[in-house]
Amino acid sequence: MKRVRQIAWIVVCVIAASWLYQVQLGAIPFLSFSVFLFYLAYREMKPRAKKRRSRFDEPEEFLTEEEPPEKKAEIIT
């Protein structure tokens, strides 16, 4: 059903774009198509952002600081 709705939206936009080009308002279809494509990209990227955030939500026990290694020797030049 989502795909049918997307195709219907595209058909309506193409019809509106052709009419708007006839009346010299061609920038409006570019704006509407860019909003539509931005929405699709945002929906596609949203699950990836959740995965990335959950990767950094580690338990406290893994976030302890380790002691730095002791210096063995110092080079003086």
PDB file of N, CA and C in Angstrom:
ATOM      1  N   MET A   1       0.819  -1.193   0.000  1.00  0.00           N
ATOM      2  CA  MET A   1       0.000   0.000   0.000  1.00  0.00           C
ATOM      3  C   MET A   1       0.866   1.261   0.000  1.00  0.00           C
ATOM      4  N   LYS A   2       2.014   1.210   0.699  1.00  0.00           N
ATOM      5  CA  LYS A   2       2.897   2.367   0.732  1.00  0.00           C
ATOM      6  C   LYS A   2       3.416   2.689  -0.671  1.00  0.00           C
ATOM      7  N   ARG A   3       3.770   1.646  -1.401  1.00  0.00           N
ATOM      8  CA  ARG A   3       4.323   1.846  -2.740  1.00  0.00           C
ATOM      9  C   ARG A   3       3.273   2.466  -3.656  1.00  0.00           C
ATOM     10  N   VAL A   4       2.027   2.032  -3.535  1.00  0.00           N
ATOM     11  CA  VAL A   4       0.947   2.587  -4.363  1.00  0.00           C
ATOM     12  C   VAL A   4       0.751   4.063  -4.028  1.00  0.00           C
ATOM     13  N   ARG A   5       0.808   4.390  -2.745  1.00  0.00           N
ATOM     14  CA  ARG A   5       0.662   5.781  -2.328  1.00  0.00           C
ATOM     15  C   ARG A   5       1.811   6.640  -2.860  1.00  0.00           C
ATOM     16  N   GLN A   6       3.033   6.109  -2.833  1.00  0.00           N
ATOM     17  CA  GLN A   6       4.186   6.850  -3.353  1.00  0.00           C
ATOM     18  C   GLN A   6       4.058   7.084  -4.859  1.00  0.00           C
ATOM     19  N   ILE A   7       3.642   6.058  -5.579  1.00  0.00           N
ATOM     20  CA  ILE A   7       3.484   6.193  -7.031  1.00  0.00           C
ATOM     21  C   ILE A   7       2.380   7.187  -7.354  1.00  0.00           C
ATOM     22  N   ALA A   8       1.285   7.136  -6.599  1.00  0.00           N
ATOM     23  CA  ALA A   8       0.196   8.091  -6.815  1.00  0.00           C
ATOM     24  C   ALA A   8       0.671   9.516  -6.546  1.00  0.00           C
ATOM     25  N   TRP A   9       1.461   9.710  -5.496  1.00  0.00           N
ATOM     26  CA  TRP A   9       2.003  11.027  -5.187  1.00  0.00           C
ATOM     27  C   TRP A   9       2.905  11.531  -6.317  1.00  0.00           C
ATOM     28  N   ILE A  10       3.715  10.649  -6.873  1.00  0.00           N
ATOM     29  CA  ILE A  10       4.599  11.030  -7.974  1.00  0.00           C
ATOM     30  C   ILE A  10       3.786  11.411  -9.210  1.00  0.00           C
ATOM     31  N   VAL A  11       2.737  10.646  -9.509  1.00  0.00           N
ATOM     32  CA  VAL A  11       1.890  10.956 -10.669  1.00  0.00           C
ATOM     33  C   VAL A  11       1.224  12.321 -10.492  1.00  0.00           C
ATOM     34  N   VAL A  12       0.709  12.579  -9.303  1.00  0.00           N
ATOM     35  CA  VAL A  12       0.083  13.875  -9.040  1.00  0.00           C
ATOM     36  C   VAL A  12       1.107  14.995  -9.191  1.00  0.00           C
ATOM     37  N   CYS A  13       2.315  14.777  -8.695  1.00  0.00           N
ATOM     38  CA  CYS A  13       3.362  15.803  -8.814  1.00  0.00           C
ATOM     39  C   CYS A  13       3.751  16.036 -10.275  1.00  0.00           C
ATOM     40  N   VAL A  14       3.809  14.991 -11.071  1.00  0.00           N
ATOM     41  CA  VAL A  14       4.157  15.159 -12.489  1.00  0.00           C
ATOM     42  C   VAL A  14       3.074  15.952 -13.214  1.00  0.00           C
ATOM     43  N   ILE A  15       1.819  15.648 -12.930  1.00  0.00           N
ATOM     44  CA  ILE A  15       0.721  16.394 -13.556  1.00  0.00           C
ATOM     45  C   ILE A  15       0.763  17.853 -13.114  1.00  0.00           C
ATOM     46  N   ALA A  16       0.976  18.080 -11.818  1.00  0.00           N
ATOM     47  CA  ALA A  16       1.058  19.456 -11.323  1.00  0.00           C
ATOM     48  C   ALA A  16       2.268  20.172 -11.909  1.00  0.00           C
ATOM     49  N   ALA A  17       3.374  19.459 -12.056  1.00  0.00           N
ATOM     50  CA  ALA A  17       4.585  20.072 -12.614  1.00  0.00           C
ATOM     51  C   ALA A  17       4.367  20.490 -14.053  1.00  0.00           C
ATOM     52  N   SER A  18       3.735  19.642 -14.836  1.00  0.00           N
ATOM     53  CA  SER A  18       3.505  20.008 -16.231  1.00  0.00           C
ATOM     54  C   SER A  18       2.591  21.233 -16.341  1.00  0.00           C
ATOM     55  N   TRP A  19       1.595  21.313 -15.469  1.00  0.00           N
ATOM     56  CA  TRP A  19       0.719  22.487 -15.493  1.00  0.00           C
ATOM     57  C   TRP A  19       1.473  23.740 -15.038  1.00  0.00           C
ATOM     58  N   LEU A  20       2.287  23.596 -13.974  1.00  0.00           N
ATOM     59  CA  LEU A  20       3.032  24.749 -13.480  1.00  0.00           C
ATOM     60  C   LEU A  20       4.073  25.234 -14.486  1.00  0.00           C
ATOM     61  N   TYR A  21       4.667  24.323 -15.238  1.00  0.00           N
ATOM     62  CA  TYR A  21       5.601  24.741 -16.288  1.00  0.00           C
ATOM     63  C   TYR A  21       4.878  25.523 -17.384  1.00  0.00           C
ATOM     64  N   GLN A  22       3.640  25.170 -17.643  1.00  0.00           N
ATOM     65  CA  GLN A  22       2.862  25.884 -18.657  1.00  0.00           C
ATOM     66  C   GLN A  22       2.587  27.330 -18.244  1.00  0.00           C
ATOM     67  N   VAL A  23       2.431  27.570 -16.941  1.00  0.00           N
ATOM     68  CA  VAL A  23       2.139  28.928 -16.463  1.00  0.00           C
ATOM     69  C   VAL A  23       3.390  29.617 -15.913  1.00  0.00           C
ATOM     70  N   GLN A  24       4.573  29.146 -16.321  1.00  0.00           N
ATOM     71  CA  GLN A  24       5.859  29.763 -15.986  1.00  0.00           C
ATOM     72  C   GLN A  24       6.180  29.767 -14.486  1.00  0.00           C
ATOM     73  N   LEU A  25       5.785  28.719 -13.778  1.00  0.00           N
ATOM     74  CA  LEU A  25       6.122  28.560 -12.359  1.00  0.00           C
ATOM     75  C   LEU A  25       6.883  27.248 -12.151  1.00  0.00           C
ATOM     76  N   GLY A  26       7.956  27.081 -12.900  1.00  0.00           N
ATOM     77  CA  GLY A  26       8.676  25.810 -12.906  1.00  0.00           C
ATOM     78  C   GLY A  26       9.488  25.515 -11.662  1.00  0.00           C
ATOM     79  N   ALA A  27       9.756  26.502 -10.804  1.00  0.00           N
ATOM     80  CA  ALA A  27      10.556  26.252  -9.608  1.00  0.00           C
ATOM     81  C   ALA A  27       9.759  25.507  -8.540  1.00  0.00           C
ATOM     82  N   ILE A  28       8.464  25.634  -8.559  1.00  0.00           N
ATOM     83  CA  ILE A  28       7.627  24.990  -7.539  1.00  0.00           C
ATOM     84  C   ILE A  28       7.715  23.461  -7.608  1.00  0.00           C
ATOM     85  N   PRO A  29       7.693  22.847  -8.796  1.00  0.00           N
ATOM     86  CA  PRO A  29       7.845  21.386  -8.829  1.00  0.00           C
ATOM     87  C   PRO A  29       9.195  20.913  -8.304  1.00  0.00           C
ATOM     88  N   PHE A  30      10.258  21.663  -8.573  1.00  0.00           N
ATOM     89  CA  PHE A  30      11.562  21.284  -8.034  1.00  0.00           C
ATOM     90  C   PHE A  30      11.536  21.292  -6.514  1.00  0.00           C
ATOM     91  N   LEU A  31      10.894  22.271  -5.941  1.00  0.00           N
ATOM     92  CA  LEU A  31      10.791  22.348  -4.487  1.00  0.00           C
ATOM     93  C   LEU A  31       9.985  21.175  -3.936  1.00  0.00           C
ATOM     94  N   SER A  32       8.857  20.864  -4.558  1.00  0.00           N
ATOM     95  CA  SER A  32       8.028  19.761  -4.052  1.00  0.00           C
ATOM     96  C   SER A  32       8.732  18.409  -4.206  1.00  0.00           C
ATOM     97  N   PHE A  33       9.442  18.196  -5.321  1.00  0.00           N
ATOM     98  CA  PHE A  33      10.185  16.944  -5.503  1.00  0.00           C
ATOM     99  C   PHE A  33      11.337  16.843  -4.505  1.00  0.00           C
ATOM    100  N   SER A  34      11.996  17.961  -4.231  1.00  0.00           N
ATOM    101  CA  SER A  34      13.099  17.912  -3.271  1.00  0.00           C
ATOM    102  C   SER A  34      12.591  17.602  -1.867  1.00  0.00           C
ATOM    103  N   VAL A  35      11.449  18.139  -1.482  1.00  0.00           N
ATOM    104  CA  VAL A  35      10.870  17.826  -0.168  1.00  0.00           C
ATOM    105  C   VAL A  35      10.506  16.349  -0.100  1.00  0.00           C
ATOM    106  N   PHE A  36       9.927  15.821  -1.154  1.00  0.00           N
ATOM    107  CA  PHE A  36       9.557  14.404  -1.189  1.00  0.00           C
ATOM    108  C   PHE A  36      10.782  13.502  -1.083  1.00  0.00           C
ATOM    109  N   LEU A  37      11.821  13.812  -1.843  1.00  0.00           N
ATOM    110  CA  LEU A  37      13.026  12.984  -1.809  1.00  0.00           C
ATOM    111  C   LEU A  37      13.763  13.128  -0.483  1.00  0.00           C
ATOM    112  N   PHE A  38      13.741  14.314   0.112  1.00  0.00           N
ATOM    113  CA  PHE A  38      14.338  14.493   1.426  1.00  0.00           C
ATOM    114  C   PHE A  38      13.610  13.645   2.464  1.00  0.00           C
ATOM    115  N   TYR A  39      12.285  13.597   2.381  1.00  0.00           N
ATOM    116  CA  TYR A  39      11.499  12.784   3.303  1.00  0.00           C
ATOM    117  C   TYR A  39      11.849  11.300   3.155  1.00  0.00           C
ATOM    118  N   LEU A  40      11.970  10.825   1.932  1.00  0.00           N
ATOM    119  CA  LEU A  40      12.332   9.418   1.722  1.00  0.00           C
ATOM    120  C   LEU A  40      13.726   9.118   2.272  1.00  0.00           C
ATOM    121  N   ALA A  41      14.669  10.023   2.050  1.00  0.00           N
ATOM    122  CA  ALA A  41      16.025   9.815   2.560  1.00  0.00           C
ATOM    123  C   ALA A  41      16.051   9.834   4.081  1.00  0.00           C
ATOM    124  N   TYR A  42      15.292  10.726   4.689  1.00  0.00           N
ATOM    125  CA  TYR A  42      15.230  10.803   6.145  1.00  0.00           C
ATOM    126  C   TYR A  42      14.662   9.518   6.740  1.00  0.00           C
ATOM    127  N   ARG A  43      13.607   9.011   6.130  1.00  0.00           N
ATOM    128  CA  ARG A  43      13.012   7.753   6.608  1.00  0.00           C
ATOM    129  C   ARG A  43      13.982   6.597   6.473  1.00  0.00           C
ATOM    130  N   GLU A  44      14.787   6.613   5.433  1.00  0.00           N
ATOM    131  CA  GLU A  44      15.752   5.544   5.198  1.00  0.00           C
ATOM    132  C   GLU A  44      16.916   5.623   6.190  1.00  0.00           C
ATOM    133  N   MET A  45      17.342   6.817   6.545  1.00  0.00           N
ATOM    134  CA  MET A  45      18.494   6.984   7.422  1.00  0.00           C
ATOM    135  C   MET A  45      18.143   6.866   8.899  1.00  0.00           C
ATOM    136  N   LYS A  46      16.889   7.035   9.273  1.00  0.00           N
ATOM    137  CA  LYS A  46      16.499   7.011  10.678  1.00  0.00           C
ATOM    138  C   LYS A  46      16.832   5.682  11.361  1.00  0.00           C
ATOM    139  N   PRO A  47      16.584   4.504  10.780  1.00  0.00           N
ATOM    140  CA  PRO A  47      16.953   3.252  11.464  1.00  0.00           C
ATOM    141  C   PRO A  47      18.455   3.111  11.650  1.00  0.00           C
ATOM    142  N   ARG A  48      19.250   3.628  10.727  1.00  0.00           N
ATOM    143  CA  ARG A  48      20.706   3.540  10.863  1.00  0.00           C
ATOM    144  C   ARG A  48      21.190   4.367  12.038  1.00  0.00           C
ATOM    145  N   ALA A  49      20.579   5.512  12.259  1.00  0.00           N
ATOM    146  CA  ALA A  49      20.972   6.366  13.377  1.00  0.00           C
ATOM    147  C   ALA A  49      20.652   5.676  14.705  1.00  0.00           C
ATOM    148  N   LYS A  50      19.551   4.969  14.778  1.00  0.00           N
ATOM    149  CA  LYS A  50      19.209   4.249  16.010  1.00  0.00           C
ATOM    150  C   LYS A  50      20.237   3.170  16.297  1.00  0.00           C
ATOM    151  N   LYS A  51      20.678   2.449  15.263  1.00  0.00           N
ATOM    152  CA  LYS A  51      21.686   1.408  15.461  1.00  0.00           C
ATOM    153  C   LYS A  51      22.993   2.024  15.946  1.00  0.00           C
ATOM    154  N   ARG A  52      23.366   3.164  15.372  1.00  0.00           N
ATOM    155  CA  ARG A  52      24.613   3.815  15.747  1.00  0.00           C
ATOM    156  C   ARG A  52      24.554   4.288  17.199  1.00  0.00           C
ATOM    157  N   ARG A  53      23.404   4.830  17.622  1.00  0.00           N
ATOM    158  CA  ARG A  53      23.268   5.287  19.003  1.00  0.00           C
ATOM    159  C   ARG A  53      23.302   4.111  19.966  1.00  0.00           C
ATOM    160  N   SER A  54      22.681   2.994  19.632  1.00  0.00           N
ATOM    161  CA  SER A  54      22.644   1.862  20.539  1.00  0.00           C
ATOM    162  C   SER A  54      24.027   1.234  20.692  1.00  0.00           C
ATOM    163  N   ARG A  55      24.873   1.389  19.706  1.00  0.00           N
ATOM    164  CA  ARG A  55      26.221   0.842  19.790  1.00  0.00           C
ATOM    165  C   ARG A  55      27.023   1.576  20.866  1.00  0.00           C
ATOM    166  N   PHE A  56      26.754   2.868  21.065  1.00  0.00           N
ATOM    167  CA  PHE A  56      27.490   3.639  22.049  1.00  0.00           C
ATOM    168  C   PHE A  56      26.864   3.559  23.443  1.00  0.00           C
ATOM    169  N   ASP A  57      25.734   2.944  23.581  1.00  0.00           N
ATOM    170  CA  ASP A  57      25.083   2.789  24.881  1.00  0.00           C
ATOM    171  C   ASP A  57      25.553   1.503  25.540  1.00  0.00           C
ATOM    172  N   GLU A  58      26.844   1.461  25.893  1.00  0.00           N
ATOM    173  CA  GLU A  58      27.412   0.271  26.514  1.00  0.00           C
ATOM    174  C   GLU A  58      27.258   0.371  28.023  1.00  0.00           C
ATOM    175  N   PRO A  59      27.283  -0.754  28.716  1.00  0.00           N
ATOM    176  CA  PRO A  59      27.195  -0.726  30.174  1.00  0.00           C
ATOM    177  C   PRO A  59      28.394  -0.004  30.793  1.00  0.00           C
ATOM    178  N   GLU A  60      28.225   0.431  32.024  1.00  0.00           N
ATOM    179  CA  GLU A  60      29.259   1.195  32.722  1.00  0.00           C
ATOM    180  C   GLU A  60      30.541   0.386  32.918  1.00  0.00           C
ATOM    181  N   GLU A  61      30.432  -0.915  33.100  1.00  0.00           N
ATOM    182  CA  GLU A  61      31.613  -1.722  33.400  1.00  0.00           C
ATOM    183  C   GLU A  61      32.640  -1.709  32.265  1.00  0.00           C
ATOM    184  N   PHE A  62      32.193  -1.456  31.043  1.00  0.00           N
ATOM    185  CA  PHE A  62      33.118  -1.420  29.923  1.00  0.00           C
ATOM    186  C   PHE A  62      33.743  -0.039  29.744  1.00  0.00           C
ATOM    187  N   LEU A  63      33.253   0.941  30.461  1.00  0.00           N
ATOM    188  CA  LEU A  63      33.724   2.303  30.278  1.00  0.00           C
ATOM    189  C   LEU A  63      34.738   2.732  31.335  1.00  0.00           C
ATOM    190  N   THR A  64      35.308   1.802  32.093  1.00  0.00           N
ATOM    191  CA  THR A  64      36.297   2.166  33.099  1.00  0.00           C
ATOM    192  C   THR A  64      37.585   2.597  32.412  1.00  0.00           C
ATOM    193  N   GLU A  65      38.276   3.521  33.061  1.00  0.00           N
ATOM    194  CA  GLU A  65      39.520   4.015  32.494  1.00  0.00           C
ATOM    195  C   GLU A  65      40.649   3.057  32.832  1.00  0.00           C
ATOM    196  N   GLU A  66      41.488   2.820  31.874  1.00  0.00           N
ATOM    197  CA  GLU A  66      42.649   1.980  32.110  1.00  0.00           C
ATOM    198  C   GLU A  66      43.817   2.871  32.505  1.00  0.00           C
ATOM    199  N   GLU A  67      44.711   2.331  33.326  1.00  0.00           N
ATOM    200  CA  GLU A  67      45.879   3.100  33.721  1.00  0.00           C
ATOM    201  C   GLU A  67      46.868   3.137  32.565  1.00  0.00           C
ATOM    202  N   PRO A  68      47.482   4.284  32.345  1.00  0.00           N
ATOM    203  CA  PRO A  68      48.453   4.350  31.259  1.00  0.00           C
ATOM    204  C   PRO A  68      49.693   3.524  31.593  1.00  0.00           C
ATOM    205  N   PRO A  69      50.357   2.968  30.601  1.00  0.00           N
ATOM    206  CA  PRO A  69      51.556   2.159  30.887  1.00  0.00           C
ATOM    207  C   PRO A  69      52.668   3.038  31.431  1.00  0.00           C
ATOM    208  N   GLU A  70      53.487   2.455  32.311  1.00  0.00           N
ATOM    209  CA  GLU A  70      54.592   3.205  32.906  1.00  0.00           C
ATOM    210  C   GLU A  70      55.677   3.441  31.865  1.00  0.00           C
ATOM    211  N   LYS A  71      56.401   4.573  32.029  1.00  0.00           N
ATOM    212  CA  LYS A  71      57.513   4.864  31.144  1.00  0.00           C
ATOM    213  C   LYS A  71      58.678   3.957  31.478  1.00  0.00           C
ATOM    214  N   LYS A  72      59.232   3.353  30.466  1.00  0.00           N
ATOM    215  CA  LYS A  72      60.366   2.448  30.669  1.00  0.00           C
ATOM    216  C   LYS A  72      61.675   3.238  30.659  1.00  0.00           C
ATOM    217  N   ALA A  73      61.806   4.115  29.691  1.00  0.00           N
ATOM    218  CA  ALA A  73      63.040   4.888  29.580  1.00  0.00           C
ATOM    219  C   ALA A  73      62.715   6.214  28.918  1.00  0.00           C
ATOM    220  N   GLU A  74      63.550   7.169  29.158  1.00  0.00           N
ATOM    221  CA  GLU A  74      63.355   8.487  28.576  1.00  0.00           C
ATOM    222  C   GLU A  74      64.539   8.810  27.702  1.00  0.00           C
ATOM    223  N   ILE A  75      64.288   9.283  26.504  1.00  0.00           N
ATOM    224  CA  ILE A  75      65.359   9.613  25.569  1.00  0.00           C
ATOM    225  C   ILE A  75      65.660  11.091  25.700  1.00  0.00           C
ATOM    226  N   ILE A  76      66.908  11.406  25.979  1.00  0.00           N
ATOM    227  CA  ILE A  76      67.319  12.806  26.087  1.00  0.00           C
ATOM    228  C   ILE A  76      68.212  13.118  24.898  1.00  0.00           C
ATOM    229  N   THR A  77      67.877  14.157  24.181  1.00  0.00           N
ATOM    230  CA  THR A  77      68.693  14.536  23.018  1.00  0.00           C
ATOM    231  C   THR A  77      69.352  15.872  23.197  1.00  0.00           C
TER     232      THR A  77
END
